[in-house]
Each structure stands twice: as C-alpha cells, then as structure tokens.
Amino acid sequence: MGRTHRFGYSAALRDKQKDEVGFDMGSDLLKHDLRAGTTEARHIRGGAGEAVFVPENATAGEDEGYVLSLVYDAERDASDLLVLHAQDFTGDPVAVVHLPVRVPYGFHGNWAPDGA
C-alpha cells in the first residue's frame, strides 16, 4: 500500500447505450500496465466483481501470481470464482469454481484473515 506498482486490475461495466448489454450480461476485467500505458481486456459473460491480485508465493514479483474475481452468472443465479494467471490474463482460466449461491456485488473488499 502506498508504493508504486506497475500493474493494476479493475472491472468495467459495458455501456447499455452502446451495446445493449447490462451488468448481468457482460463486463470486462482489465489489467493495466501503468509503465507501458496499456490495458488488456478480458470479456466476462456475467457481472464481474473487483479483481484481486494474489502473489504466487511470499517472494513473488509483482506480476507473478493470480487474479481472482467473483462473477455473477444470471442463468444459474449463482456466482463463480474466476482464477486467472496474471501473466496470461486473457488466456484460459487456471480455475473456475462454481459456487452454489449468488455472492452479492457488495461483497467486494470484504476479506478476512484465517481464523476470523
């Protein structure tokens, strides 16, 4: 926190006026390279929550790890945990964990340590 970072991640909603797609129908996860001034976009069918970077291990470099996002699937009325490899952001997911319930959009940022 408070340090300069090269990479940042975010979620973006599609504009209903442009493509008739709403929050439940499509969004994008974005990987921003702040040094190069570029952005990679990964289209998500469903409503993507905030993207969270998780380092591969305690000594991992800034782009060595995974990006996690909760994605709402309106057809199932449930959420998925999407796991992406940070260095292959638009490639095949590392994993997609199908959750049995819908995780509310407001859940973002509510992470607790072990034992909490």
PDB file of N, CA and C in Angstrom:
ATOM      1  N   MET A   1       0.843  -1.168   0.000  1.00  0.00           N
ATOM      2  CA  MET A   1       0.000   0.000   0.000  1.00  0.00           C
ATOM      3  C   MET A   1       0.895   1.240   0.000  1.00  0.00           C
ATOM      4  N   GLY A   2       0.544   2.184  -0.823  1.00  0.00           N
ATOM      5  CA  GLY A   2       1.297   3.423  -0.865  1.00  0.00           C
ATOM      6  C   GLY A   2       2.577   3.343  -1.673  1.00  0.00           C
ATOM      7  N   ARG A   3       2.854   2.185  -2.278  1.00  0.00           N
ATOM      8  CA  ARG A   3       4.054   2.039  -3.091  1.00  0.00           C
ATOM      9  C   ARG A   3       3.688   2.108  -4.569  1.00  0.00           C
ATOM     10  N   THR A   4       4.655   2.436  -5.386  1.00  0.00           N
ATOM     11  CA  THR A   4       4.450   2.445  -6.826  1.00  0.00           C
ATOM     12  C   THR A   4       4.314   1.011  -7.326  1.00  0.00           C
ATOM     13  N   HIS A   5       3.323   0.781  -8.159  1.00  0.00           N
ATOM     14  CA  HIS A   5       3.094  -0.530  -8.760  1.00  0.00           C
ATOM     15  C   HIS A   5       3.052  -0.387 -10.272  1.00  0.00           C
ATOM     16  N   ARG A   6       3.492  -1.428 -10.963  1.00  0.00           N
ATOM     17  CA  ARG A   6       3.423  -1.420 -12.418  1.00  0.00           C
ATOM     18  C   ARG A   6       2.038  -1.846 -12.898  1.00  0.00           C
ATOM     19  N   PHE A   7       1.436  -2.833 -12.238  1.00  0.00           N
ATOM     20  CA  PHE A   7       0.174  -3.390 -12.710  1.00  0.00           C
ATOM     21  C   PHE A   7      -0.964  -3.070 -11.754  1.00  0.00           C
ATOM     22  N   GLY A   8      -2.138  -2.868 -12.337  1.00  0.00           N
ATOM     23  CA  GLY A   8      -3.360  -2.672 -11.569  1.00  0.00           C
ATOM     24  C   GLY A   8      -4.492  -3.395 -12.281  1.00  0.00           C
ATOM     25  N   TYR A   9      -5.516  -3.758 -11.542  1.00  0.00           N
ATOM     26  CA  TYR A   9      -6.625  -4.525 -12.089  1.00  0.00           C
ATOM     27  C   TYR A   9      -7.932  -3.854 -11.728  1.00  0.00           C
ATOM     28  N   SER A  10      -8.917  -3.961 -12.623  1.00  0.00           N
ATOM     29  CA  SER A  10     -10.224  -3.380 -12.351  1.00  0.00           C
ATOM     30  C   SER A  10     -11.286  -4.124 -13.147  1.00  0.00           C
ATOM     31  N   ALA A  11     -12.545  -3.858 -12.813  1.00  0.00           N
ATOM     32  CA  ALA A  11     -13.686  -4.388 -13.551  1.00  0.00           C
ATOM     33  C   ALA A  11     -14.390  -3.211 -14.196  1.00  0.00           C
ATOM     34  N   ALA A  12     -14.991  -3.447 -15.357  1.00  0.00           N
ATOM     35  CA  ALA A  12     -15.695  -2.381 -16.072  1.00  0.00           C
ATOM     36  C   ALA A  12     -17.035  -2.906 -16.566  1.00  0.00           C
ATOM     37  N   LEU A  13     -18.057  -2.081 -16.464  1.00  0.00           N
ATOM     38  CA  LEU A  13     -19.379  -2.425 -16.976  1.00  0.00           C
ATOM     39  C   LEU A  13     -19.487  -1.966 -18.418  1.00  0.00           C
ATOM     40  N   ARG A  14     -20.247  -2.683 -19.196  1.00  0.00           N
ATOM     41  CA  ARG A  14     -20.495  -2.261 -20.567  1.00  0.00           C
ATOM     42  C   ARG A  14     -21.597  -1.209 -20.571  1.00  0.00           C
ATOM     43  N   ASP A  15     -21.515  -0.265 -21.494  1.00  0.00           N
ATOM     44  CA  ASP A  15     -22.474   0.826 -21.608  1.00  0.00           C
ATOM     45  C   ASP A  15     -23.727   0.322 -22.321  1.00  0.00           C
ATOM     46  N   LYS A  16     -24.873   0.334 -21.620  1.00  0.00           N
ATOM     47  CA  LYS A  16     -26.125  -0.146 -22.225  1.00  0.00           C
ATOM     48  C   LYS A  16     -26.493   0.648 -23.472  1.00  0.00           C
ATOM     49  N   GLN A  17     -26.159   1.923 -23.524  1.00  0.00           N
ATOM     50  CA  GLN A  17     -26.490   2.744 -24.675  1.00  0.00           C
ATOM     51  C   GLN A  17     -25.738   2.292 -25.927  1.00  0.00           C
ATOM     52  N   LYS A  18     -24.542   1.747 -25.750  1.00  0.00           N
ATOM     53  CA  LYS A  18     -23.730   1.350 -26.897  1.00  0.00           C
ATOM     54  C   LYS A  18     -24.071  -0.040 -27.412  1.00  0.00           C
ATOM     55  N   ASP A  19     -24.136  -1.029 -26.499  1.00  0.00           N
ATOM     56  CA  ASP A  19     -24.239  -2.397 -26.992  1.00  0.00           C
ATOM     57  C   ASP A  19     -25.379  -3.202 -26.370  1.00  0.00           C
ATOM     58  N   GLU A  20     -26.292  -2.532 -25.676  1.00  0.00           N
ATOM     59  CA  GLU A  20     -27.461  -3.194 -25.128  1.00  0.00           C
ATOM     60  C   GLU A  20     -27.117  -4.292 -24.113  1.00  0.00           C
ATOM     61  N   VAL A  21     -25.917  -4.286 -23.593  1.00  0.00           N
ATOM     62  CA  VAL A  21     -25.520  -5.308 -22.627  1.00  0.00           C
ATOM     63  C   VAL A  21     -25.520  -4.687 -21.245  1.00  0.00           C
ATOM     64  N   GLY A  22     -26.194  -5.356 -20.316  1.00  0.00           N
ATOM     65  CA  GLY A  22     -26.279  -4.860 -18.949  1.00  0.00           C
ATOM     66  C   GLY A  22     -25.288  -5.546 -18.044  1.00  0.00           C
ATOM     67  N   PHE A  23     -25.295  -5.173 -16.771  1.00  0.00           N
ATOM     68  CA  PHE A  23     -24.331  -5.694 -15.802  1.00  0.00           C
ATOM     69  C   PHE A  23     -24.388  -7.213 -15.705  1.00  0.00           C
ATOM     70  N   ASP A  24     -25.591  -7.796 -15.765  1.00  0.00           N
ATOM     71  CA  ASP A  24     -25.716  -9.243 -15.644  1.00  0.00           C
ATOM     72  C   ASP A  24     -25.351  -9.969 -16.930  1.00  0.00           C
ATOM     73  N   MET A  25     -25.210  -9.266 -18.028  1.00  0.00           N
ATOM     74  CA  MET A  25     -24.949  -9.898 -19.311  1.00  0.00           C
ATOM     75  C   MET A  25     -23.487  -9.801 -19.741  1.00  0.00           C
ATOM     76  N   GLY A  26     -22.761  -8.845 -19.242  1.00  0.00           N
ATOM     77  CA  GLY A  26     -21.379  -8.754 -19.673  1.00  0.00           C
ATOM     78  C   GLY A  26     -20.624  -7.627 -19.014  1.00  0.00           C
ATOM     79  N   SER A  27     -19.368  -7.887 -18.783  1.00  0.00           N
ATOM     80  CA  SER A  27     -18.475  -6.890 -18.221  1.00  0.00           C
ATOM     81  C   SER A  27     -17.066  -7.259 -18.662  1.00  0.00           C
ATOM     82  N   ASP A  28     -16.120  -6.469 -18.271  1.00  0.00           N
ATOM     83  CA  ASP A  28     -14.725  -6.735 -18.604  1.00  0.00           C
ATOM     84  C   ASP A  28     -13.890  -6.710 -17.344  1.00  0.00           C
ATOM     85  N   LEU A  29     -12.892  -7.568 -17.288  1.00  0.00           N
ATOM     86  CA  LEU A  29     -11.830  -7.443 -16.303  1.00  0.00           C
ATOM     87  C   LEU A  29     -10.670  -6.801 -17.045  1.00  0.00           C
ATOM     88  N   LEU A  30     -10.028  -5.843 -16.428  1.00  0.00           N
ATOM     89  CA  LEU A  30      -8.962  -5.085 -17.070  1.00  0.00           C
ATOM     90  C   LEU A  30      -7.654  -5.225 -16.299  1.00  0.00           C
ATOM     91  N   LYS A  31      -6.573  -5.390 -17.059  1.00  0.00           N
ATOM     92  CA  LYS A  31      -5.230  -5.393 -16.476  1.00  0.00           C
ATOM     93  C   LYS A  31      -4.508  -4.177 -17.058  1.00  0.00           C
ATOM     94  N   HIS A  32      -4.140  -3.263 -16.190  1.00  0.00           N
ATOM     95  CA  HIS A  32      -3.487  -2.026 -16.605  1.00  0.00           C
ATOM     96  C   HIS A  32      -1.982  -2.139 -16.368  1.00  0.00           C
ATOM     97  N   ASP A  33      -1.187  -1.906 -17.400  1.00  0.00           N
ATOM     98  CA  ASP A  33       0.268  -1.813 -17.263  1.00  0.00           C
ATOM     99  C   ASP A  33       0.567  -0.324 -17.178  1.00  0.00           C
ATOM    100  N   LEU A  34       0.800   0.152 -15.979  1.00  0.00           N
ATOM    101  CA  LEU A  34       0.956   1.584 -15.748  1.00  0.00           C
ATOM    102  C   LEU A  34       2.269   2.127 -16.289  1.00  0.00           C
ATOM    103  N   ARG A  35       3.258   1.293 -16.430  1.00  0.00           N
ATOM    104  CA  ARG A  35       4.537   1.720 -17.008  1.00  0.00           C
ATOM    105  C   ARG A  35       4.421   1.878 -18.527  1.00  0.00           C
ATOM    106  N   ALA A  36       3.824   0.886 -19.184  1.00  0.00           N
ATOM    107  CA  ALA A  36       3.695   0.921 -20.647  1.00  0.00           C
ATOM    108  C   ALA A  36       2.499   1.751 -21.107  1.00  0.00           C
ATOM    109  N   GLY A  37       1.558   2.014 -20.200  1.00  0.00           N
ATOM    110  CA  GLY A  37       0.370   2.775 -20.566  1.00  0.00           C
ATOM    111  C   GLY A  37      -0.619   1.965 -21.399  1.00  0.00           C
ATOM    112  N   THR A  38      -0.654   0.643 -21.199  1.00  0.00           N
ATOM    113  CA  THR A  38      -1.542  -0.225 -21.960  1.00  0.00           C
ATOM    114  C   THR A  38      -2.540  -0.910 -21.031  1.00  0.00           C
ATOM    115  N   THR A  39      -3.609  -1.436 -21.638  1.00  0.00           N
ATOM    116  CA  THR A  39      -4.626  -2.166 -20.892  1.00  0.00           C
ATOM    117  C   THR A  39      -5.036  -3.393 -21.680  1.00  0.00           C
ATOM    118  N   GLU A  40      -5.073  -4.545 -20.996  1.00  0.00           N
ATOM    119  CA  GLU A  40      -5.607  -5.780 -21.569  1.00  0.00           C
ATOM    120  C   GLU A  40      -7.022  -5.947 -21.043  1.00  0.00           C
ATOM    121  N   ALA A  41      -7.950  -6.345 -21.922  1.00  0.00           N
ATOM    122  CA  ALA A  41      -9.332  -6.557 -21.514  1.00  0.00           C
ATOM    123  C   ALA A  41      -9.716  -8.012 -21.713  1.00  0.00           C
ATOM    124  N   ARG A  42     -10.399  -8.545 -20.731  1.00  0.00           N
ATOM    125  CA  ARG A  42     -10.921  -9.905 -20.805  1.00  0.00           C
ATOM    126  C   ARG A  42     -12.437  -9.803 -20.652  1.00  0.00           C
ATOM    127  N   HIS A  43     -13.180 -10.153 -21.711  1.00  0.00           N
ATOM    128  CA  HIS A  43     -14.635 -10.083 -21.660  1.00  0.00           C
ATOM    129  C   HIS A  43     -15.173 -11.196 -20.762  1.00  0.00           C
ATOM    130  N   ILE A  44     -16.098 -10.828 -19.916  1.00  0.00           N
ATOM    131  CA  ILE A  44     -16.719 -11.762 -18.987  1.00  0.00           C
ATOM    132  C   ILE A  44     -18.210 -11.796 -19.284  1.00  0.00           C
ATOM    133  N   ARG A  45     -18.751 -12.994 -19.463  1.00  0.00           N
ATOM    134  CA  ARG A  45     -20.206 -13.129 -19.608  1.00  0.00           C
ATOM    135  C   ARG A  45     -20.764 -13.214 -18.200  1.00  0.00           C
ATOM    136  N   GLY A  46     -21.296 -12.136 -17.744  1.00  0.00           N
ATOM    137  CA  GLY A  46     -21.790 -12.034 -16.373  1.00  0.00           C
ATOM    138  C   GLY A  46     -21.234 -10.776 -15.741  1.00  0.00           C
ATOM    139  N   GLY A  47     -21.597 -10.553 -14.531  1.00  0.00           N
ATOM    140  CA  GLY A  47     -21.147  -9.361 -13.823  1.00  0.00           C
ATOM    141  C   GLY A  47     -19.901  -9.655 -13.013  1.00  0.00           C
ATOM    142  N   ALA A  48     -18.792  -9.109 -13.438  1.00  0.00           N
ATOM    143  CA  ALA A  48     -17.519  -9.336 -12.747  1.00  0.00           C
ATOM    144  C   ALA A  48     -17.368  -8.367 -11.582  1.00  0.00           C
ATOM    145  N   GLY A  49     -16.929  -8.907 -10.456  1.00  0.00           N
ATOM    146  CA  GLY A  49     -16.610  -8.080  -9.301  1.00  0.00           C
ATOM    147  C   GLY A  49     -15.173  -7.610  -9.399  1.00  0.00           C
ATOM    148  N   GLU A  50     -14.739  -6.877  -8.378  1.00  0.00           N
ATOM    149  CA  GLU A  50     -13.387  -6.337  -8.426  1.00  0.00           C
ATOM    150  C   GLU A  50     -12.359  -7.453  -8.565  1.00  0.00           C
ATOM    151  N   ALA A  51     -11.295  -7.167  -9.266  1.00  0.00           N
ATOM    152  CA  ALA A  51     -10.201  -8.116  -9.467  1.00  0.00           C
ATOM    153  C   ALA A  51      -9.175  -7.938  -8.360  1.00  0.00           C
ATOM    154  N   VAL A  52      -8.767  -9.061  -7.770  1.00  0.00           N
ATOM    155  CA  VAL A  52      -7.814  -9.035  -6.661  1.00  0.00           C
ATOM    156  C   VAL A  52      -6.593  -9.851  -7.060  1.00  0.00           C
ATOM    157  N   PHE A  53      -5.399  -9.266  -6.922  1.00  0.00           N
ATOM    158  CA  PHE A  53      -4.155  -9.976  -7.220  1.00  0.00           C
ATOM    159  C   PHE A  53      -3.688 -10.735  -5.982  1.00  0.00           C
ATOM    160  N   VAL A  54      -3.284 -12.003  -6.198  1.00  0.00           N
ATOM    161  CA  VAL A  54      -2.751 -12.845  -5.123  1.00  0.00           C
ATOM    162  C   VAL A  54      -1.372 -13.333  -5.560  1.00  0.00           C
ATOM    163  N   PRO A  55      -0.305 -12.981  -4.839  1.00  0.00           N
ATOM    164  CA  PRO A  55       1.043 -13.428  -5.228  1.00  0.00           C
ATOM    165  C   PRO A  55       1.149 -14.957  -5.201  1.00  0.00           C
ATOM    166  N   GLU A  56       1.996 -15.478  -6.096  1.00  0.00           N
ATOM    167  CA  GLU A  56       2.224 -16.927  -6.187  1.00  0.00           C
ATOM    168  C   GLU A  56       2.841 -17.483  -4.904  1.00  0.00           C
ATOM    169  N   ASN A  57       3.730 -16.697  -4.294  1.00  0.00           N
ATOM    170  CA  ASN A  57       4.362 -17.084  -3.030  1.00  0.00           C
ATOM    171  C   ASN A  57       4.896 -15.818  -2.373  1.00  0.00           C
ATOM    172  N   ALA A  58       5.498 -15.950  -1.228  1.00  0.00           N
ATOM    173  CA  ALA A  58       5.944 -14.794  -0.439  1.00  0.00           C
ATOM    174  C   ALA A  58       7.031 -13.965  -1.122  1.00  0.00           C
ATOM    175  N   THR A  59       7.793 -14.559  -2.040  1.00  0.00           N
ATOM    176  CA  THR A  59       8.884 -13.829  -2.696  1.00  0.00           C
ATOM    177  C   THR A  59       8.572 -13.505  -4.157  1.00  0.00           C
ATOM    178  N   ALA A  60       7.322 -13.688  -4.572  1.00  0.00           N
ATOM    179  CA  ALA A  60       6.926 -13.478  -5.968  1.00  0.00           C
ATOM    180  C   ALA A  60       7.063 -12.020  -6.378  1.00  0.00           C
ATOM    181  N   GLY A  61       7.399 -11.813  -7.651  1.00  0.00           N
ATOM    182  CA  GLY A  61       7.434 -10.471  -8.229  1.00  0.00           C
ATOM    183  C   GLY A  61       6.019  -9.946  -8.431  1.00  0.00           C
ATOM    184  N   GLU A  62       5.929  -8.705  -8.840  1.00  0.00           N
ATOM    185  CA  GLU A  62       4.627  -8.045  -8.924  1.00  0.00           C
ATOM    186  C   GLU A  62       3.634  -8.747  -9.855  1.00  0.00           C
ATOM    187  N   ASP A  63       4.075  -9.331 -10.941  1.00  0.00           N
ATOM    188  CA  ASP A  63       3.165  -9.966 -11.899  1.00  0.00           C
ATOM    189  C   ASP A  63       3.180 -11.490 -11.782  1.00  0.00           C
ATOM    190  N   GLU A  64       3.769 -12.003 -10.717  1.00  0.00           N
ATOM    191  CA  GLU A  64       3.879 -13.450 -10.527  1.00  0.00           C
ATOM    192  C   GLU A  64       2.811 -13.912  -9.546  1.00  0.00           C
ATOM    193  N   GLY A  65       1.678 -14.315 -10.087  1.00  0.00           N
ATOM    194  CA  GLY A  65       0.592 -14.759  -9.230  1.00  0.00           C
ATOM    195  C   GLY A  65      -0.696 -14.892  -9.998  1.00  0.00           C
ATOM    196  N   TYR A  66      -1.791 -14.691  -9.293  1.00  0.00           N
ATOM    197  CA  TYR A  66      -3.116 -14.947  -9.829  1.00  0.00           C
ATOM    198  C   TYR A  66      -4.031 -13.749  -9.614  1.00  0.00           C
ATOM    199  N   VAL A  67      -5.026 -13.637 -10.474  1.00  0.00           N
ATOM    200  CA  VAL A  67      -6.048 -12.611 -10.346  1.00  0.00           C
ATOM    201  C   VAL A  67      -7.365 -13.331 -10.092  1.00  0.00           C
ATOM    202  N   LEU A  68      -8.047 -12.949  -9.008  1.00  0.00           N
ATOM    203  CA  LEU A  68      -9.321 -13.567  -8.624  1.00  0.00           C
ATOM    204  C   LEU A  68     -10.455 -12.570  -8.811  1.00  0.00           C
ATOM    205  N   SER A  69     -11.588 -13.079  -9.263  1.00  0.00           N
ATOM    206  CA  SER A  69     -12.775 -12.233  -9.380  1.00  0.00           C
ATOM    207  C   SER A  69     -14.014 -13.083  -9.193  1.00  0.00           C
ATOM    208  N   LEU A  70     -14.987 -12.567  -8.467  1.00  0.00           N
ATOM    209  CA  LEU A  70     -16.289 -13.205  -8.367  1.00  0.00           C
ATOM    210  C   LEU A  70     -17.130 -12.741  -9.543  1.00  0.00           C
ATOM    211  N   VAL A  71     -17.767 -13.689 -10.242  1.00  0.00           N
ATOM    212  CA  VAL A  71     -18.544 -13.381 -11.440  1.00  0.00           C
ATOM    213  C   VAL A  71     -19.955 -13.928 -11.250  1.00  0.00           C
ATOM    214  N   TYR A  72     -20.957 -13.065 -11.433  1.00  0.00           N
ATOM    215  CA  TYR A  72     -22.350 -13.493 -11.302  1.00  0.00           C
ATOM    216  C   TYR A  72     -22.838 -14.074 -12.622  1.00  0.00           C
ATOM    217  N   ASP A  73     -23.421 -15.269 -12.555  1.00  0.00           N
ATOM    218  CA  ASP A  73     -24.000 -15.952 -13.710  1.00  0.00           C
ATOM    219  C   ASP A  73     -25.518 -15.903 -13.555  1.00  0.00           C
ATOM    220  N   ALA A  74     -26.184 -15.046 -14.336  1.00  0.00           N
ATOM    221  CA  ALA A  74     -27.626 -14.849 -14.196  1.00  0.00           C
ATOM    222  C   ALA A  74     -28.407 -16.106 -14.573  1.00  0.00           C
ATOM    223  N   GLU A  75     -27.915 -16.900 -15.501  1.00  0.00           N
ATOM    224  CA  GLU A  75     -28.628 -18.113 -15.902  1.00  0.00           C
ATOM    225  C   GLU A  75     -28.729 -19.109 -14.743  1.00  0.00           C
ATOM    226  N   ARG A  76     -27.684 -19.208 -13.918  1.00  0.00           N
ATOM    227  CA  ARG A  76     -27.687 -20.110 -12.753  1.00  0.00           C
ATOM    228  C   ARG A  76     -28.161 -19.413 -11.488  1.00  0.00           C
ATOM    229  N   ASP A  77     -28.229 -18.090 -11.520  1.00  0.00           N
ATOM    230  CA  ASP A  77     -28.479 -17.267 -10.335  1.00  0.00           C
ATOM    231  C   ASP A  77     -27.507 -17.654  -9.223  1.00  0.00           C
ATOM    232  N   ALA A  78     -26.245 -17.777  -9.626  1.00  0.00           N
ATOM    233  CA  ALA A  78     -25.175 -18.142  -8.697  1.00  0.00           C
ATOM    234  C   ALA A  78     -23.884 -17.486  -9.186  1.00  0.00           C
ATOM    235  N   SER A  79     -22.873 -17.532  -8.356  1.00  0.00           N
ATOM    236  CA  SER A  79     -21.596 -16.899  -8.695  1.00  0.00           C
ATOM    237  C   SER A  79     -20.513 -17.938  -8.931  1.00  0.00           C
ATOM    238  N   ASP A  80     -19.480 -17.516  -9.642  1.00  0.00           N
ATOM    239  CA  ASP A  80     -18.279 -18.318  -9.870  1.00  0.00           C
ATOM    240  C   ASP A  80     -17.082 -17.542  -9.359  1.00  0.00           C
ATOM    241  N   LEU A  81     -16.089 -18.248  -8.856  1.00  0.00           N
ATOM    242  CA  LEU A  81     -14.805 -17.638  -8.539  1.00  0.00           C
ATOM    243  C   LEU A  81     -13.903 -17.918  -9.727  1.00  0.00           C
ATOM    244  N   LEU A  82     -13.503 -16.886 -10.428  1.00  0.00           N
ATOM    245  CA  LEU A  82     -12.642 -16.992 -11.603  1.00  0.00           C
ATOM    246  C   LEU A  82     -11.198 -16.776 -11.165  1.00  0.00           C
ATOM    247  N   VAL A  83     -10.312 -17.715 -11.524  1.00  0.00           N
ATOM    248  CA  VAL A  83      -8.901 -17.623 -11.178  1.00  0.00           C
ATOM    249  C   VAL A  83      -8.109 -17.537 -12.480  1.00  0.00           C
ATOM    250  N   LEU A  84      -7.384 -16.431 -12.660  1.00  0.00           N
ATOM    251  CA  LEU A  84      -6.583 -16.196 -13.866  1.00  0.00           C
ATOM    252  C   LEU A  84      -5.115 -16.119 -13.488  1.00  0.00           C
ATOM    253  N   HIS A  85      -4.259 -16.568 -14.395  1.00  0.00           N
ATOM    254  CA  HIS A  85      -2.817 -16.379 -14.190  1.00  0.00           C
ATOM    255  C   HIS A  85      -2.499 -14.951 -14.618  1.00  0.00           C
ATOM    256  N   ALA A  86      -1.888 -14.178 -13.757  1.00  0.00           N
ATOM    257  CA  ALA A  86      -1.640 -12.759 -14.035  1.00  0.00           C
ATOM    258  C   ALA A  86      -0.816 -12.550 -15.311  1.00  0.00           C
ATOM    259  N   GLN A  87       0.138 -13.418 -15.589  1.00  0.00           N
ATOM    260  CA  GLN A  87       0.992 -13.243 -16.759  1.00  0.00           C
ATOM    261  C   GLN A  87       0.342 -13.746 -18.041  1.00  0.00           C
ATOM    262  N   ASP A  88      -0.810 -14.395 -17.940  1.00  0.00           N
ATOM    263  CA  ASP A  88      -1.575 -14.854 -19.107  1.00  0.00           C
ATOM    264  C   ASP A  88      -3.027 -14.444 -18.895  1.00  0.00           C
ATOM    265  N   PHE A  89      -3.233 -13.154 -18.704  1.00  0.00           N
ATOM    266  CA  PHE A  89      -4.506 -12.588 -18.258  1.00  0.00           C
ATOM    267  C   PHE A  89      -5.670 -12.928 -19.179  1.00  0.00           C
ATOM    268  N   THR A  90      -5.449 -12.979 -20.482  1.00  0.00           N
ATOM    269  CA  THR A  90      -6.534 -13.257 -21.421  1.00  0.00           C
ATOM    270  C   THR A  90      -6.554 -14.714 -21.865  1.00  0.00           C
ATOM    271  N   GLY A  91      -5.658 -15.538 -21.334  1.00  0.00           N
ATOM    272  CA  GLY A  91      -5.628 -16.961 -21.675  1.00  0.00           C
ATOM    273  C   GLY A  91      -6.676 -17.746 -20.909  1.00  0.00           C
ATOM    274  N   ASP A  92      -6.615 -19.059 -21.051  1.00  0.00           N
ATOM    275  CA  ASP A  92      -7.558 -19.929 -20.344  1.00  0.00           C
ATOM    276  C   ASP A  92      -7.453 -19.709 -18.840  1.00  0.00           C
ATOM    277  N   PRO A  93      -8.589 -19.743 -18.134  1.00  0.00           N
ATOM    278  CA  PRO A  93      -8.542 -19.606 -16.676  1.00  0.00           C
ATOM    279  C   PRO A  93      -7.764 -20.759 -16.045  1.00  0.00           C
ATOM    280  N   VAL A  94      -7.112 -20.476 -14.935  1.00  0.00           N
ATOM    281  CA  VAL A  94      -6.470 -21.523 -14.139  1.00  0.00           C
ATOM    282  C   VAL A  94      -7.565 -22.399 -13.532  1.00  0.00           C
ATOM    283  N   ALA A  95      -8.645 -21.758 -13.070  1.00  0.00           N
ATOM    284  CA  ALA A  95      -9.773 -22.486 -12.487  1.00  0.00           C
ATOM    285  C   ALA A  95     -11.022 -21.610 -12.517  1.00  0.00           C
ATOM    286  N   VAL A  96     -12.163 -22.270 -12.549  1.00  0.00           N
ATOM    287  CA  VAL A  96     -13.453 -21.626 -12.358  1.00  0.00           C
ATOM    288  C   VAL A  96     -14.178 -22.462 -11.312  1.00  0.00           C
ATOM    289  N   VAL A  97     -14.430 -21.861 -10.156  1.00  0.00           N
ATOM    290  CA  VAL A  97     -15.085 -22.560  -9.055  1.00  0.00           C
ATOM    291  C   VAL A  97     -16.548 -22.143  -9.056  1.00  0.00           C
ATOM    292  N   HIS A  98     -17.437 -23.083  -9.361  1.00  0.00           N
ATOM    293  CA  HIS A  98     -18.873 -22.808  -9.393  1.00  0.00           C
ATOM    294  C   HIS A  98     -19.411 -22.846  -7.970  1.00  0.00           C
ATOM    295  N   LEU A  99     -19.832 -21.700  -7.483  1.00  0.00           N
ATOM    296  CA  LEU A  99     -20.388 -21.605  -6.134  1.00  0.00           C
ATOM    297  C   LEU A  99     -21.880 -21.943  -6.184  1.00  0.00           C
ATOM    298  N   PRO A 100     -22.434 -22.508  -5.131  1.00  0.00           N
ATOM    299  CA  PRO A 100     -23.839 -22.918  -5.164  1.00  0.00           C
ATOM    300  C   PRO A 100     -24.832 -21.770  -4.950  1.00  0.00           C
ATOM    301  N   VAL A 101     -24.349 -20.581  -4.648  1.00  0.00           N
ATOM    302  CA  VAL A 101     -25.222 -19.440  -4.372  1.00  0.00           C
ATOM    303  C   VAL A 101     -24.675 -18.187  -5.057  1.00  0.00           C
ATOM    304  N   ARG A 102     -25.491 -17.150  -5.067  1.00  0.00           N
ATOM    305  CA  ARG A 102     -25.069 -15.859  -5.603  1.00  0.00           C
ATOM    306  C   ARG A 102     -24.353 -15.085  -4.498  1.00  0.00           C
ATOM    307  N   VAL A 103     -23.175 -14.579  -4.814  1.00  0.00           N
ATOM    308  CA  VAL A 103     -22.452 -13.710  -3.884  1.00  0.00           C
ATOM    309  C   VAL A 103     -22.838 -12.274  -4.249  1.00  0.00           C
ATOM    310  N   PRO A 104     -23.388 -11.505  -3.325  1.00  0.00           N
ATOM    311  CA  PRO A 104     -23.826 -10.140  -3.642  1.00  0.00           C
ATOM    312  C   PRO A 104     -22.677  -9.277  -4.161  1.00  0.00           C
ATOM    313  N   TYR A 105     -23.006  -8.367  -5.067  1.00  0.00           N
ATOM    314  CA  TYR A 105     -21.988  -7.466  -5.621  1.00  0.00           C
ATOM    315  C   TYR A 105     -21.298  -6.654  -4.529  1.00  0.00           C
ATOM    316  N   GLY A 106     -21.975  -6.314  -3.478  1.00  0.00           N
ATOM    317  CA  GLY A 106     -21.390  -5.525  -2.397  1.00  0.00           C
ATOM    318  C   GLY A 106     -20.354  -6.271  -1.578  1.00  0.00           C
ATOM    319  N   PHE A 107     -20.101  -7.538  -1.888  1.00  0.00           N
ATOM    320  CA  PHE A 107     -19.146  -8.341  -1.136  1.00  0.00           C
ATOM    321  C   PHE A 107     -17.704  -7.908  -1.362  1.00  0.00           C
ATOM    322  N   HIS A 108     -17.444  -7.155  -2.414  1.00  0.00           N
ATOM    323  CA  HIS A 108     -16.068  -6.776  -2.751  1.00  0.00           C
ATOM    324  C   HIS A 108     -15.334  -6.144  -1.572  1.00  0.00           C
ATOM    325  N   GLY A 109     -14.088  -6.508  -1.449  1.00  0.00           N
ATOM    326  CA  GLY A 109     -13.237  -5.903  -0.429  1.00  0.00           C
ATOM    327  C   GLY A 109     -13.464  -6.421   0.987  1.00  0.00           C
ATOM    328  N   ASN A 110     -14.371  -7.353   1.164  1.00  0.00           N
ATOM    329  CA  ASN A 110     -14.657  -7.884   2.497  1.00  0.00           C
ATOM    330  C   ASN A 110     -13.888  -9.183   2.719  1.00  0.00           C
ATOM    331  N   TRP A 111     -12.593  -9.087   2.852  1.00  0.00           N
ATOM    332  CA  TRP A 111     -11.766 -10.272   3.052  1.00  0.00           C
ATOM    333  C   TRP A 111     -11.358 -10.340   4.517  1.00  0.00           C
ATOM    334  N   ALA A 112     -11.309 -11.553   5.065  1.00  0.00           N
ATOM    335  CA  ALA A 112     -10.950 -11.730   6.468  1.00  0.00           C
ATOM    336  C   ALA A 112      -9.763 -12.677   6.575  1.00  0.00           C
ATOM    337  N   PRO A 113      -8.882 -12.474   7.548  1.00  0.00           N
ATOM    338  CA  PRO A 113      -7.744 -13.383   7.728  1.00  0.00           C
ATOM    339  C   PRO A 113      -8.205 -14.745   8.239  1.00  0.00           C
ATOM    340  N   ASP A 114      -7.312 -15.738   8.168  1.00  0.00           N
ATOM    341  CA  ASP A 114      -7.630 -17.074   8.705  1.00  0.00           C
ATOM    342  C   ASP A 114      -8.054 -16.957  10.157  1.00  0.00           C
ATOM    343  N   GLY A 115      -9.046 -17.744  10.530  1.00  0.00           N
ATOM    344  CA  GLY A 115      -9.482 -17.784  11.912  1.00  0.00           C
ATOM    345  C   GLY A 115     -10.446 -16.688  12.295  1.00  0.00           C
ATOM    346  N   ALA A 116     -10.804 -15.819  11.349  1.00  0.00           N
ATOM    347  CA  ALA A 116     -11.713 -14.711  11.688  1.00  0.00           C
ATOM    348  C   ALA A 116     -13.154 -15.150  11.608  1.00  0.00           C
TER     349      ALA A 116
END
